[in-house]
């Protein structure tokens, strides 16, 4: 059984989620890796 690997695809939409929501009149951006 091969060892698990963490890979990041060139297509950011497949592995990254970008959250944007207003916070006290400013835009707060959080980037998470799934």
PDB file of N, CA and C in Angstrom:
ATOM      1  N   UNK A   1       0.846  -1.191   0.000  1.00  0.00           N
ATOM      2  CA  UNK A   1       0.000   0.000   0.000  1.00  0.00           C
ATOM      3  C   UNK A   1       0.887   1.249   0.000  1.00  0.00           C
ATOM      4  N   UNK A   2       0.725   2.098  -0.999  1.00  0.00           N
ATOM      5  CA  UNK A   2       1.585   3.290  -1.104  1.00  0.00           C
ATOM      6  C   UNK A   2       1.325   4.280   0.011  1.00  0.00           C
ATOM      7  N   UNK A   3       2.336   5.049   0.336  1.00  0.00           N
ATOM      8  CA  UNK A   3       2.179   6.043   1.395  1.00  0.00           C
ATOM      9  C   UNK A   3       1.288   7.185   0.907  1.00  0.00           C
ATOM     10  N   UNK A   4       0.437   7.686   1.792  1.00  0.00           N
ATOM     11  CA  UNK A   4      -0.440   8.795   1.414  1.00  0.00           C
ATOM     12  C   UNK A   4       0.359  10.050   1.108  1.00  0.00           C
ATOM     13  N   UNK A   5      -0.019  10.728   0.067  1.00  0.00           N
ATOM     14  CA  UNK A   5       0.680  11.950  -0.309  1.00  0.00           C
ATOM     15  C   UNK A   5      -0.307  13.106  -0.390  1.00  0.00           C
ATOM     16  N   UNK A   6       0.171  14.291  -0.057  1.00  0.00           N
ATOM     17  CA  UNK A   6      -0.661  15.483  -0.173  1.00  0.00           C
ATOM     18  C   UNK A   6      -0.199  16.263  -1.394  1.00  0.00           C
ATOM     19  N   UNK A   7      -1.084  16.371  -2.365  1.00  0.00           N
ATOM     20  CA  UNK A   7      -0.704  17.054  -3.593  1.00  0.00           C
ATOM     21  C   UNK A   7      -1.595  18.268  -3.809  1.00  0.00           C
ATOM     22  N   UNK A   8      -1.020  19.287  -4.402  1.00  0.00           N
ATOM     23  CA  UNK A   8      -1.781  20.496  -4.713  1.00  0.00           C
ATOM     24  C   UNK A   8      -1.914  20.608  -6.225  1.00  0.00           C
ATOM     25  N   UNK A   9      -3.147  20.580  -6.687  1.00  0.00           N
ATOM     26  CA  UNK A   9      -3.385  20.635  -8.123  1.00  0.00           C
ATOM     27  C   UNK A   9      -3.132  22.029  -8.660  1.00  0.00           C
ATOM     28  N   UNK A  10      -2.786  22.087  -9.951  1.00  0.00           N
ATOM     29  CA  UNK A  10      -2.548  23.383 -10.576  1.00  0.00           C
ATOM     30  C   UNK A  10      -3.857  24.168 -10.652  1.00  0.00           C
ATOM     31  N   UNK A  11      -4.972  23.435 -10.647  1.00  0.00           N
ATOM     32  CA  UNK A  11      -6.278  24.079 -10.676  1.00  0.00           C
ATOM     33  C   UNK A  11      -6.707  24.345  -9.243  1.00  0.00           C
ATOM     34  N   UNK A  12      -6.632  25.591  -8.831  1.00  0.00           N
ATOM     35  CA  UNK A  12      -6.861  25.943  -7.429  1.00  0.00           C
ATOM     36  C   UNK A  12      -8.293  25.653  -6.999  1.00  0.00           C
ATOM     37  N   UNK A  13      -9.225  25.585  -7.959  1.00  0.00           N
ATOM     38  CA  UNK A  13     -10.628  25.395  -7.602  1.00  0.00           C
ATOM     39  C   UNK A  13     -10.882  23.979  -7.116  1.00  0.00           C
ATOM     40  N   UNK A  14      -9.984  23.054  -7.424  1.00  0.00           N
ATOM     41  CA  UNK A  14     -10.215  21.672  -7.060  1.00  0.00           C
ATOM     42  C   UNK A  14      -9.775  21.382  -5.635  1.00  0.00           C
ATOM     43  N   UNK A  15      -8.794  22.127  -5.146  1.00  0.00           N
ATOM     44  CA  UNK A  15      -8.250  21.804  -3.828  1.00  0.00           C
ATOM     45  C   UNK A  15      -8.317  22.978  -2.859  1.00  0.00           C
ATOM     46  N   UNK A  16      -8.677  24.152  -3.366  1.00  0.00           N
ATOM     47  CA  UNK A  16      -8.711  25.313  -2.486  1.00  0.00           C
ATOM     48  C   UNK A  16     -10.115  25.896  -2.423  1.00  0.00           C
ATOM     49  N   UNK A  17     -10.481  26.348  -1.264  1.00  0.00           N
ATOM     50  CA  UNK A  17     -11.753  27.039  -1.103  1.00  0.00           C
ATOM     51  C   UNK A  17     -11.479  28.435  -0.593  1.00  0.00           C
ATOM     52  N   UNK A  18     -12.085  29.411  -1.245  1.00  0.00           N
ATOM     53  CA  UNK A  18     -11.848  30.792  -0.852  1.00  0.00           C
ATOM     54  C   UNK A  18     -13.141  31.359  -0.297  1.00  0.00           C
ATOM     55  N   UNK A  19     -13.075  31.847   0.940  1.00  0.00           N
ATOM     56  CA  UNK A  19     -14.257  32.384   1.589  1.00  0.00           C
ATOM     57  C   UNK A  19     -14.107  33.883   1.761  1.00  0.00           C
ATOM     58  N   UNK A  20     -15.122  34.620   1.332  1.00  0.00           N
ATOM     59  CA  UNK A  20     -15.094  36.067   1.514  1.00  0.00           C
ATOM     60  C   UNK A  20     -16.397  36.504   2.163  1.00  0.00           C
ATOM     61  N   UNK A  21     -16.308  37.268   3.230  1.00  0.00           N
ATOM     62  CA  UNK A  21     -17.510  37.806   3.852  1.00  0.00           C
ATOM     63  C   UNK A  21     -17.178  39.120   4.527  1.00  0.00           C
ATOM     64  N   UNK A  22     -18.136  40.053   4.517  1.00  0.00           N
ATOM     65  CA  UNK A  22     -17.894  41.371   5.097  1.00  0.00           C
ATOM     66  C   UNK A  22     -17.698  41.281   6.605  1.00  0.00           C
ATOM     67  N   UNK A  23     -16.714  41.983   7.119  1.00  0.00           N
ATOM     68  CA  UNK A  23     -16.462  41.995   8.553  1.00  0.00           C
ATOM     69  C   UNK A  23     -16.182  43.430   8.985  1.00  0.00           C
ATOM     70  N   UNK A  24     -17.138  44.008   9.684  1.00  0.00           N
ATOM     71  CA  UNK A  24     -16.989  45.396  10.141  1.00  0.00           C
ATOM     72  C   UNK A  24     -16.686  46.336   8.978  1.00  0.00           C
ATOM     73  N   UNK A  25     -17.381  46.123   7.852  1.00  0.00           N
ATOM     74  CA  UNK A  25     -17.198  47.008   6.710  1.00  0.00           C
ATOM     75  C   UNK A  25     -15.999  46.645   5.861  1.00  0.00           C
ATOM     76  N   UNK A  26     -15.229  45.644   6.305  1.00  0.00           N
ATOM     77  CA  UNK A  26     -14.069  45.218   5.528  1.00  0.00           C
ATOM     78  C   UNK A  26     -14.301  43.815   4.988  1.00  0.00           C
ATOM     79  N   UNK A  27     -13.545  43.468   3.984  1.00  0.00           N
ATOM     80  CA  UNK A  27     -13.678  42.134   3.405  1.00  0.00           C
ATOM     81  C   UNK A  27     -12.640  41.198   4.011  1.00  0.00           C
ATOM     82  N   UNK A  28     -13.119  40.178   4.707  1.00  0.00           N
ATOM     83  CA  UNK A  28     -12.220  39.214   5.328  1.00  0.00           C
ATOM     84  C   UNK A  28     -12.098  37.997   4.424  1.00  0.00           C
ATOM     85  N   UNK A  29     -10.878  37.638   4.096  1.00  0.00           N
ATOM     86  CA  UNK A  29     -10.657  36.520   3.188  1.00  0.00           C
ATOM     87  C   UNK A  29      -9.941  35.383   3.905  1.00  0.00           C
ATOM     88  N   UNK A  30     -10.539  34.194   3.827  1.00  0.00           N
ATOM     89  CA  UNK A  30      -9.915  33.018   4.429  1.00  0.00           C
ATOM     90  C   UNK A  30      -9.706  31.964   3.354  1.00  0.00           C
ATOM     91  N   UNK A  31      -8.518  31.436   3.273  1.00  0.00           N
ATOM     92  CA  UNK A  31      -8.216  30.410   2.278  1.00  0.00           C
ATOM     93  C   UNK A  31      -7.889  29.102   2.992  1.00  0.00           C
ATOM     94  N   UNK A  32      -8.605  28.056   2.623  1.00  0.00           N
ATOM     95  CA  UNK A  32      -8.380  26.768   3.269  1.00  0.00           C
ATOM     96  C   UNK A  32      -8.097  25.689   2.244  1.00  0.00           C
ATOM     97  N   UNK A  33      -7.338  24.699   2.650  1.00  0.00           N
ATOM     98  CA  UNK A  33      -7.022  23.590   1.753  1.00  0.00           C
ATOM     99  C   UNK A  33      -7.839  22.377   2.165  1.00  0.00           C
ATOM    100  N   UNK A  34      -8.549  21.808   1.211  1.00  0.00           N
ATOM    101  CA  UNK A  34      -9.366  20.627   1.503  1.00  0.00           C
ATOM    102  C   UNK A  34      -8.511  19.381   1.341  1.00  0.00           C
TER     103      UNK A  34
END
